[in-house]
C-alpha cells in the first residue's frame, strides 16, 4: 500500500486503482480529487484531513490581536493551486471585513518570488502577514520564517516548524495527530479492511505556538490572554 500527503496520494491514485492508498492532507479531499465522498470514499483511497484551511480566518484574527494597530494585513497564496487559494481567500476576506482591516493578496509559486513578496510588504506598509495553506509553503517553512524575521514582518503560518525557526506564530492542525490517525488506518487496511469501507476522518486537534523571543525582537507585546491559550511558548 501507499501512504502519503495530498500530492503524493493524488499521484499514486493516477497510476493504480487497486493498491490501497492512505492520505494525510490539510486540503479538501473531495475538491482535491482524492475521493468522491467523505463517508463513502469508494475505490482504493481513504485517509484523514486536518484543520488547516478551516482555521485560516483564526490566523488572521491572531495576527490582528498581535498587531492591533495594523490596518493592513497581507495574505500570501500560491496562484498555481486556485482551488485551495480561492477557498482560503473567500474566508479570509470575510474575516478581514469583520476586523476592519485591508487584506492585500500576494502571490508566490517559486522561491524566487519570496524576495518580491517581502519587498512588496514593506511598500504596502503591512502590519503583518498571514501565509496561506499550501504544500509549497509547508516545505519552505524555515526559509519563510527567516525572511519574515529578516524583514521584521510579524507573520503567522500553520506549521510548528515555522514558529520554531523564528516565525512569530504557528496555528494549525497537529501533524502528530493526523499521522497517528493515518497510521491507524494503515494498520487496519494491512489487516484486511478495504479503503472504500473506511470513511475519511478529520483530525481536530489544533496547536498554537507563539515565539515570544521573536515577538520581543519585533517590539510586540503579545496579550497575556493569548499567551495563556498557546500550546507552546518559545522563549
C-alpha atoms as a PDB file:
ATOM      1  CA  UNK A   1       0.000   0.000   0.000  1.00  0.00           C
ATOM      2  CA  UNK A   2       0.935   3.671  -0.273  1.00  0.00           C
ATOM      3  CA  UNK A   3       0.763   6.323   2.442  1.00  0.00           C
ATOM      4  CA  UNK A   4       1.476   9.961   1.663  1.00  0.00           C
ATOM      5  CA  UNK A   5       0.422  13.600   1.708  1.00  0.00           C
ATOM      6  CA  UNK A   6      -2.152  15.095  -0.664  1.00  0.00           C
ATOM      7  CA  UNK A   7       0.067  15.424  -3.743  1.00  0.00           C
ATOM      8  CA  UNK A   8       1.704  12.020  -3.259  1.00  0.00           C
ATOM      9  CA  UNK A   9      -1.663  10.308  -2.842  1.00  0.00           C
ATOM     10  CA  UNK A  10      -3.053  12.088  -5.898  1.00  0.00           C
ATOM     11  CA  UNK A  11      -0.085  10.956  -7.994  1.00  0.00           C
ATOM     12  CA  UNK A  12      -0.464   7.396  -6.698  1.00  0.00           C
ATOM     13  CA  UNK A  13      -4.189   7.378  -7.474  1.00  0.00           C
ATOM     14  CA  UNK A  14      -3.410   8.317 -11.077  1.00  0.00           C
ATOM     15  CA  UNK A  15      -1.385   5.153 -11.604  1.00  0.00           C
ATOM     16  CA  UNK A  16      -3.220   2.489  -9.578  1.00  0.00           C
ATOM     17  CA  UNK A  17      -6.843   1.632  -8.862  1.00  0.00           C
ATOM     18  CA  UNK A  18      -6.077  -1.497  -6.837  1.00  0.00           C
ATOM     19  CA  UNK A  19      -3.217  -0.732  -4.432  1.00  0.00           C
ATOM     20  CA  UNK A  20      -4.607   0.747  -1.181  1.00  0.00           C
ATOM     21  CA  UNK A  21      -3.761   4.432  -0.646  1.00  0.00           C
ATOM     22  CA  UNK A  22      -3.996   6.348   2.648  1.00  0.00           C
ATOM     23  CA  UNK A  23      -3.578  10.115   2.546  1.00  0.00           C
ATOM     24  CA  UNK A  24      -2.938  12.808   5.165  1.00  0.00           C
ATOM     25  CA  UNK A  25      -3.942  16.246   3.917  1.00  0.00           C
ATOM     26  CA  UNK A  26      -4.826  19.751   5.011  1.00  0.00           C
ATOM     27  CA  UNK A  27      -6.951  20.281   1.901  1.00  0.00           C
ATOM     28  CA  UNK A  28     -10.482  19.278   0.941  1.00  0.00           C
ATOM     29  CA  UNK A  29     -10.037  15.715  -0.398  1.00  0.00           C
ATOM     30  CA  UNK A  30     -13.214  15.968  -2.492  1.00  0.00           C
ATOM     31  CA  UNK A  31     -12.396  19.147  -4.429  1.00  0.00           C
ATOM     32  CA  UNK A  32      -8.785  17.983  -4.448  1.00  0.00           C
ATOM     33  CA  UNK A  33      -9.759  14.893  -6.427  1.00  0.00           C
ATOM     34  CA  UNK A  34      -8.836  12.213  -3.896  1.00  0.00           C
ATOM     35  CA  UNK A  35     -12.289  10.864  -3.015  1.00  0.00           C
ATOM     36  CA  UNK A  36     -15.876  11.258  -4.198  1.00  0.00           C
ATOM     37  CA  UNK A  37     -17.355  11.343  -0.697  1.00  0.00           C
ATOM     38  CA  UNK A  38     -16.089  11.604   2.873  1.00  0.00           C
ATOM     39  CA  UNK A  39     -18.450   8.992   4.295  1.00  0.00           C
ATOM     40  CA  UNK A  40     -18.113   6.622   1.333  1.00  0.00           C
ATOM     41  CA  UNK A  41     -14.757   7.320  -0.309  1.00  0.00           C
ATOM     42  CA  UNK A  42     -15.078   4.332  -2.659  1.00  0.00           C
ATOM     43  CA  UNK A  43     -12.262   2.915  -4.730  1.00  0.00           C
ATOM     44  CA  UNK A  44      -8.843   2.330  -3.227  1.00  0.00           C
ATOM     45  CA  UNK A  45      -8.290   5.647  -1.431  1.00  0.00           C
ATOM     46  CA  UNK A  46      -9.120   6.921   2.062  1.00  0.00           C
ATOM     47  CA  UNK A  47      -7.355   8.939   4.723  1.00  0.00           C
ATOM     48  CA  UNK A  48      -7.512  11.835   7.134  1.00  0.00           C
ATOM     49  CA  UNK A  49      -7.750  15.617   6.876  1.00  0.00           C
ATOM     50  CA  UNK A  50      -6.542  18.232   9.319  1.00  0.00           C
ATOM     51  CA  UNK A  51      -7.772  21.713  10.141  1.00  0.00           C
ATOM     52  CA  UNK A  52      -5.510  23.994   8.138  1.00  0.00           C
ATOM     53  CA  UNK A  53      -7.754  25.780   5.662  1.00  0.00           C
ATOM     54  CA  UNK A  54     -10.639  25.982   8.119  1.00  0.00           C
ATOM     55  CA  UNK A  55      -8.601  27.925  10.659  1.00  0.00           C
ATOM     56  CA  UNK A  56      -7.187  30.459   8.173  1.00  0.00           C
ATOM     57  CA  UNK A  57      -9.590  33.172   9.481  1.00  0.00           C
ATOM     58  CA  UNK A  58      -8.400  32.414  13.011  1.00  0.00           C
ATOM     59  CA  UNK A  59      -4.810  33.007  11.909  1.00  0.00           C
ATOM     60  CA  UNK A  60      -5.882  36.415  10.615  1.00  0.00           C
ATOM     61  CA  UNK A  61      -7.526  37.153  13.965  1.00  0.00           C
ATOM     62  CA  UNK A  62      -4.355  36.112  15.793  1.00  0.00           C
ATOM     63  CA  UNK A  63      -2.300  38.434  13.602  1.00  0.00           C
ATOM     64  CA  UNK A  64      -4.713  41.260  14.378  1.00  0.00           C
ATOM     65  CA  UNK A  65      -4.510  40.552  18.117  1.00  0.00           C
ATOM     66  CA  UNK A  66      -0.721  40.600  17.953  1.00  0.00           C
ATOM     67  CA  UNK A  67      -0.559  43.846  15.943  1.00  0.00           C
ATOM     68  CA  UNK A  68      -3.825  45.590  16.900  1.00  0.00           C
ATOM     69  CA  UNK A  69      -2.852  48.928  15.340  1.00  0.00           C
ATOM     70  CA  UNK A  70      -2.294  47.371  11.910  1.00  0.00           C
ATOM     71  CA  UNK A  71      -4.775  48.495   9.263  1.00  0.00           C
ATOM     72  CA  UNK A  72      -3.153  46.377   6.530  1.00  0.00           C
ATOM     73  CA  UNK A  73      -2.564  42.646   6.963  1.00  0.00           C
ATOM     74  CA  UNK A  74      -1.438  40.834   3.823  1.00  0.00           C
ATOM     75  CA  UNK A  75      -2.040  37.224   2.865  1.00  0.00           C
ATOM     76  CA  UNK A  76       0.297  35.062   0.785  1.00  0.00           C
ATOM     77  CA  UNK A  77      -1.147  32.374  -1.507  1.00  0.00           C
ATOM     78  CA  UNK A  78       0.111  30.102  -4.252  1.00  0.00           C
ATOM     79  CA  UNK A  79      -1.677  31.012  -7.523  1.00  0.00           C
ATOM     80  CA  UNK A  80      -0.826  27.634  -9.091  1.00  0.00           C
ATOM     81  CA  UNK A  81      -3.330  25.975  -6.735  1.00  0.00           C
ATOM     82  CA  UNK A  82      -6.507  28.004  -7.391  1.00  0.00           C
ATOM     83  CA  UNK A  83      -8.948  25.533  -5.794  1.00  0.00           C
ATOM     84  CA  UNK A  84      -7.168  25.917  -2.465  1.00  0.00           C
ATOM     85  CA  UNK A  85      -6.315  29.619  -2.622  1.00  0.00           C
ATOM     86  CA  UNK A  86      -9.814  30.690  -3.713  1.00  0.00           C
ATOM     87  CA  UNK A  87     -11.456  28.944  -0.753  1.00  0.00           C
ATOM     88  CA  UNK A  88      -8.985  30.431   1.705  1.00  0.00           C
ATOM     89  CA  UNK A  89      -9.293  33.934   0.268  1.00  0.00           C
ATOM     90  CA  UNK A  90     -13.073  33.869   0.450  1.00  0.00           C
ATOM     91  CA  UNK A  91     -12.945  33.013   4.161  1.00  0.00           C
ATOM     92  CA  UNK A  92     -10.099  35.427   4.899  1.00  0.00           C
ATOM     93  CA  UNK A  93     -11.767  38.327   3.112  1.00  0.00           C
ATOM     94  CA  UNK A  94     -14.924  37.792   5.139  1.00  0.00           C
ATOM     95  CA  UNK A  95     -12.868  37.811   8.354  1.00  0.00           C
ATOM     96  CA  UNK A  96     -10.968  40.934   7.240  1.00  0.00           C
ATOM     97  CA  UNK A  97     -14.238  42.821   6.777  1.00  0.00           C
ATOM     98  CA  UNK A  98     -15.292  41.925  10.313  1.00  0.00           C
ATOM     99  CA  UNK A  99     -11.926  43.038  11.708  1.00  0.00           C
ATOM    100  CA  UNK A 100     -11.914  46.206   9.623  1.00  0.00           C
ATOM    101  CA  UNK A 101      -8.511  45.630   8.012  1.00  0.00           C
ATOM    102  CA  UNK A 102      -7.324  45.756   4.434  1.00  0.00           C
ATOM    103  CA  UNK A 103      -6.215  42.385   3.037  1.00  0.00           C
ATOM    104  CA  UNK A 104      -3.914  42.734   0.012  1.00  0.00           C
ATOM    105  CA  UNK A 105      -3.195  39.392  -1.666  1.00  0.00           C
ATOM    106  CA  UNK A 106       0.377  38.476  -2.589  1.00  0.00           C
ATOM    107  CA  UNK A 107       1.427  35.534  -4.749  1.00  0.00           C
ATOM    108  CA  UNK A 108       4.370  33.143  -4.726  1.00  0.00           C
ATOM    109  CA  UNK A 109       4.859  29.853  -6.535  1.00  0.00           C
ATOM    110  CA  UNK A 110       8.670  29.747  -6.657  1.00  0.00           C
ATOM    111  CA  UNK A 111      11.393  30.588  -4.153  1.00  0.00           C
ATOM    112  CA  UNK A 112      12.435  33.470  -6.415  1.00  0.00           C
ATOM    113  CA  UNK A 113       9.064  35.102  -5.666  1.00  0.00           C
ATOM    114  CA  UNK A 114       9.766  35.411  -1.936  1.00  0.00           C
ATOM    115  CA  UNK A 115      12.076  38.419  -2.153  1.00  0.00           C
ATOM    116  CA  UNK A 116       9.465  40.267  -4.215  1.00  0.00           C
ATOM    117  CA  UNK A 117       6.771  39.366  -1.700  1.00  0.00           C
ATOM    118  CA  UNK A 118       8.654  40.778   1.284  1.00  0.00           C
ATOM    119  CA  UNK A 119       9.710  43.882  -0.628  1.00  0.00           C
ATOM    120  CA  UNK A 120       6.049  44.464  -1.513  1.00  0.00           C
ATOM    121  CA  UNK A 121       5.053  44.063   2.137  1.00  0.00           C
ATOM    122  CA  UNK A 122       7.339  46.979   3.014  1.00  0.00           C
ATOM    123  CA  UNK A 123       5.830  49.086   0.214  1.00  0.00           C
ATOM    124  CA  UNK A 124       2.315  48.279   1.417  1.00  0.00           C
ATOM    125  CA  UNK A 125       3.296  49.125   4.995  1.00  0.00           C
ATOM    126  CA  UNK A 126       1.655  45.871   6.006  1.00  0.00           C
ATOM    127  CA  UNK A 127       1.479  45.373   9.732  1.00  0.00           C
ATOM    128  CA  UNK A 128       1.525  41.588   9.469  1.00  0.00           C
ATOM    129  CA  UNK A 129       1.435  38.659   7.052  1.00  0.00           C
ATOM    130  CA  UNK A 130      -0.698  35.522   7.034  1.00  0.00           C
ATOM    131  CA  UNK A 131       0.737  32.678   4.948  1.00  0.00           C
ATOM    132  CA  UNK A 132      -1.942  30.560   3.292  1.00  0.00           C
ATOM    133  CA  UNK A 133      -2.174  26.797   3.462  1.00  0.00           C
ATOM    134  CA  UNK A 134      -0.152  25.277   0.629  1.00  0.00           C
ATOM    135  CA  UNK A 135       2.239  22.345   0.278  1.00  0.00           C
ATOM    136  CA  UNK A 136       4.805  24.586  -1.448  1.00  0.00           C
ATOM    137  CA  UNK A 137       4.923  26.893   1.576  1.00  0.00           C
ATOM    138  CA  UNK A 138       4.932  23.973   4.021  1.00  0.00           C
ATOM    139  CA  UNK A 139       8.129  22.636   2.501  1.00  0.00           C
ATOM    140  CA  UNK A 140       9.763  26.040   2.952  1.00  0.00           C
ATOM    141  CA  UNK A 141       8.606  26.895   6.474  1.00  0.00           C
ATOM    142  CA  UNK A 142      12.087  27.606   7.806  1.00  0.00           C
ATOM    143  CA  UNK A 143      13.027  29.757   4.816  1.00  0.00           C
ATOM    144  CA  UNK A 144       9.853  31.825   5.190  1.00  0.00           C
ATOM    145  CA  UNK A 145      10.457  32.233   8.915  1.00  0.00           C
ATOM    146  CA  UNK A 146      13.968  33.535   8.256  1.00  0.00           C
ATOM    147  CA  UNK A 147      12.685  36.027   5.686  1.00  0.00           C
ATOM    148  CA  UNK A 148       9.913  37.247   7.993  1.00  0.00           C
ATOM    149  CA  UNK A 149      12.422  37.820  10.775  1.00  0.00           C
ATOM    150  CA  UNK A 150      14.947  39.500   8.479  1.00  0.00           C
ATOM    151  CA  UNK A 151      12.306  41.926   7.168  1.00  0.00           C
ATOM    152  CA  UNK A 152      10.743  42.409  10.634  1.00  0.00           C
ATOM    153  CA  UNK A 153       7.279  41.343   9.455  1.00  0.00           C
ATOM    154  CA  UNK A 154       5.054  39.706  12.098  1.00  0.00           C
ATOM    155  CA  UNK A 155       3.995  36.527  10.315  1.00  0.00           C
ATOM    156  CA  UNK A 156       1.767  33.577  11.115  1.00  0.00           C
ATOM    157  CA  UNK A 157       1.629  30.193   9.372  1.00  0.00           C
ATOM    158  CA  UNK A 158       0.169  26.773  10.046  1.00  0.00           C
ATOM    159  CA  UNK A 159       3.361  24.773  10.632  1.00  0.00           C
ATOM    160  CA  UNK A 160       5.037  24.225  14.007  1.00  0.00           C
ATOM    161  CA  UNK A 161       8.410  24.283  12.210  1.00  0.00           C
ATOM    162  CA  UNK A 162       7.694  27.874  11.153  1.00  0.00           C
ATOM    163  CA  UNK A 163       7.444  29.188  14.721  1.00  0.00           C
ATOM    164  CA  UNK A 164      10.344  27.001  15.857  1.00  0.00           C
ATOM    165  CA  UNK A 165      12.526  28.541  13.133  1.00  0.00           C
ATOM    166  CA  UNK A 166      11.771  32.108  14.224  1.00  0.00           C
ATOM    167  CA  UNK A 167       8.338  32.869  12.800  1.00  0.00           C
ATOM    168  CA  UNK A 168       6.071  34.810  15.161  1.00  0.00           C
ATOM    169  CA  UNK A 169       3.302  32.206  15.402  1.00  0.00           C
ATOM    170  CA  UNK A 170       2.001  28.960  14.010  1.00  0.00           C
ATOM    171  CA  UNK A 171      -1.581  27.803  14.311  1.00  0.00           C
ATOM    172  CA  UNK A 172      -2.964  24.728  12.618  1.00  0.00           C
ATOM    173  CA  UNK A 173      -3.748  21.069  12.844  1.00  0.00           C
ATOM    174  CA  UNK A 174      -1.409  18.803  14.784  1.00  0.00           C
ATOM    175  CA  UNK A 175       0.902  16.924  12.410  1.00  0.00           C
ATOM    176  CA  UNK A 176       1.437  14.237  15.043  1.00  0.00           C
ATOM    177  CA  UNK A 177      -2.316  13.727  15.394  1.00  0.00           C
ATOM    178  CA  UNK A 178      -3.035  13.423  11.668  1.00  0.00           C
ATOM    179  CA  UNK A 179      -0.280  10.878  11.059  1.00  0.00           C
ATOM    180  CA  UNK A 180      -1.325   8.880  14.110  1.00  0.00           C
ATOM    181  CA  UNK A 181      -4.804   8.515  12.600  1.00  0.00           C
ATOM    182  CA  UNK A 182      -3.352   7.752   9.164  1.00  0.00           C
ATOM    183  CA  UNK A 183      -1.168   5.089  10.796  1.00  0.00           C
ATOM    184  CA  UNK A 184      -4.210   3.519  12.438  1.00  0.00           C
ATOM    185  CA  UNK A 185      -5.968   3.311   9.070  1.00  0.00           C
ATOM    186  CA  UNK A 186      -2.832   1.839   7.508  1.00  0.00           C
ATOM    187  CA  UNK A 187      -2.786  -0.925  10.108  1.00  0.00           C
ATOM    188  CA  UNK A 188      -6.471  -1.707   9.632  1.00  0.00           C
ATOM    189  CA  UNK A 189      -6.053  -1.997   5.861  1.00  0.00           C
ATOM    190  CA  UNK A 190      -2.997  -4.216   6.238  1.00  0.00           C
ATOM    191  CA  UNK A 191      -5.151  -6.470   8.428  1.00  0.00           C
ATOM    192  CA  UNK A 192      -7.717  -6.843   5.664  1.00  0.00           C
ATOM    193  CA  UNK A 193     -10.144  -3.924   5.712  1.00  0.00           C
ATOM    194  CA  UNK A 194     -10.865  -2.097   2.456  1.00  0.00           C
ATOM    195  CA  UNK A 195     -10.227   1.639   1.947  1.00  0.00           C
ATOM    196  CA  UNK A 196     -13.689   2.009   0.438  1.00  0.00           C
ATOM    197  CA  UNK A 197     -15.222   0.944   3.768  1.00  0.00           C
ATOM    198  CA  UNK A 198     -13.251   3.449   5.854  1.00  0.00           C
ATOM    199  CA  UNK A 199     -14.709   6.996   5.860  1.00  0.00           C
ATOM    200  CA  UNK A 200     -12.327   9.918   5.628  1.00  0.00           C
ATOM    201  CA  UNK A 201     -11.587  11.130   9.147  1.00  0.00           C
ATOM    202  CA  UNK A 202     -10.865  14.660  10.319  1.00  0.00           C
ATOM    203  CA  UNK A 203      -8.181  15.322  12.906  1.00  0.00           C
ATOM    204  CA  UNK A 204      -9.500  18.095  15.135  1.00  0.00           C
ATOM    205  CA  UNK A 205      -6.521  18.779  17.406  1.00  0.00           C
ATOM    206  CA  UNK A 206      -5.079  22.272  16.909  1.00  0.00           C
ATOM    207  CA  UNK A 207      -1.746  23.643  18.097  1.00  0.00           C
ATOM    208  CA  UNK A 208      -0.968  27.314  18.698  1.00  0.00           C
ATOM    209  CA  UNK A 209       2.757  28.043  19.021  1.00  0.00           C
ATOM    210  CA  UNK A 210       3.976  31.555  19.896  1.00  0.00           C
ATOM    211  CA  UNK A 211       7.613  32.549  19.548  1.00  0.00           C
ATOM    212  CA  UNK A 212       7.941  35.108  22.331  1.00  0.00           C
ATOM    213  CA  UNK A 213      11.611  35.672  21.506  1.00  0.00           C
ATOM    214  CA  UNK A 214      10.594  36.804  18.019  1.00  0.00           C
ATOM    215  CA  UNK A 215       7.789  38.965  19.416  1.00  0.00           C
ATOM    216  CA  UNK A 216      10.291  40.753  21.654  1.00  0.00           C
ATOM    217  CA  UNK A 217      12.678  41.242  18.736  1.00  0.00           C
ATOM    218  CA  UNK A 218       9.833  42.812  16.735  1.00  0.00           C
ATOM    219  CA  UNK A 219       8.838  45.048  19.636  1.00  0.00           C
ATOM    220  CA  UNK A 220       5.447  43.375  20.042  1.00  0.00           C
ATOM    221  CA  UNK A 221       3.581  42.800  23.270  1.00  0.00           C
ATOM    222  CA  UNK A 222       1.567  39.611  22.979  1.00  0.00           C
ATOM    223  CA  UNK A 223      -1.588  39.787  25.130  1.00  0.00           C
ATOM    224  CA  UNK A 224      -1.416  37.630  28.252  1.00  0.00           C
ATOM    225  CA  UNK A 225      -4.786  36.131  27.346  1.00  0.00           C
ATOM    226  CA  UNK A 226      -3.317  34.941  24.053  1.00  0.00           C
ATOM    227  CA  UNK A 227      -0.186  33.540  25.693  1.00  0.00           C
ATOM    228  CA  UNK A 228      -2.393  31.628  28.118  1.00  0.00           C
ATOM    229  CA  UNK A 229      -4.148  29.810  25.268  1.00  0.00           C
ATOM    230  CA  UNK A 230      -0.933  28.772  23.495  1.00  0.00           C
ATOM    231  CA  UNK A 231       0.079  25.122  23.428  1.00  0.00           C
ATOM    232  CA  UNK A 232       3.720  26.197  23.470  1.00  0.00           C
ATOM    233  CA  UNK A 233       5.532  29.484  24.074  1.00  0.00           C
ATOM    234  CA  UNK A 234       9.096  29.676  22.745  1.00  0.00           C
ATOM    235  CA  UNK A 235      11.253  31.987  24.887  1.00  0.00           C
END
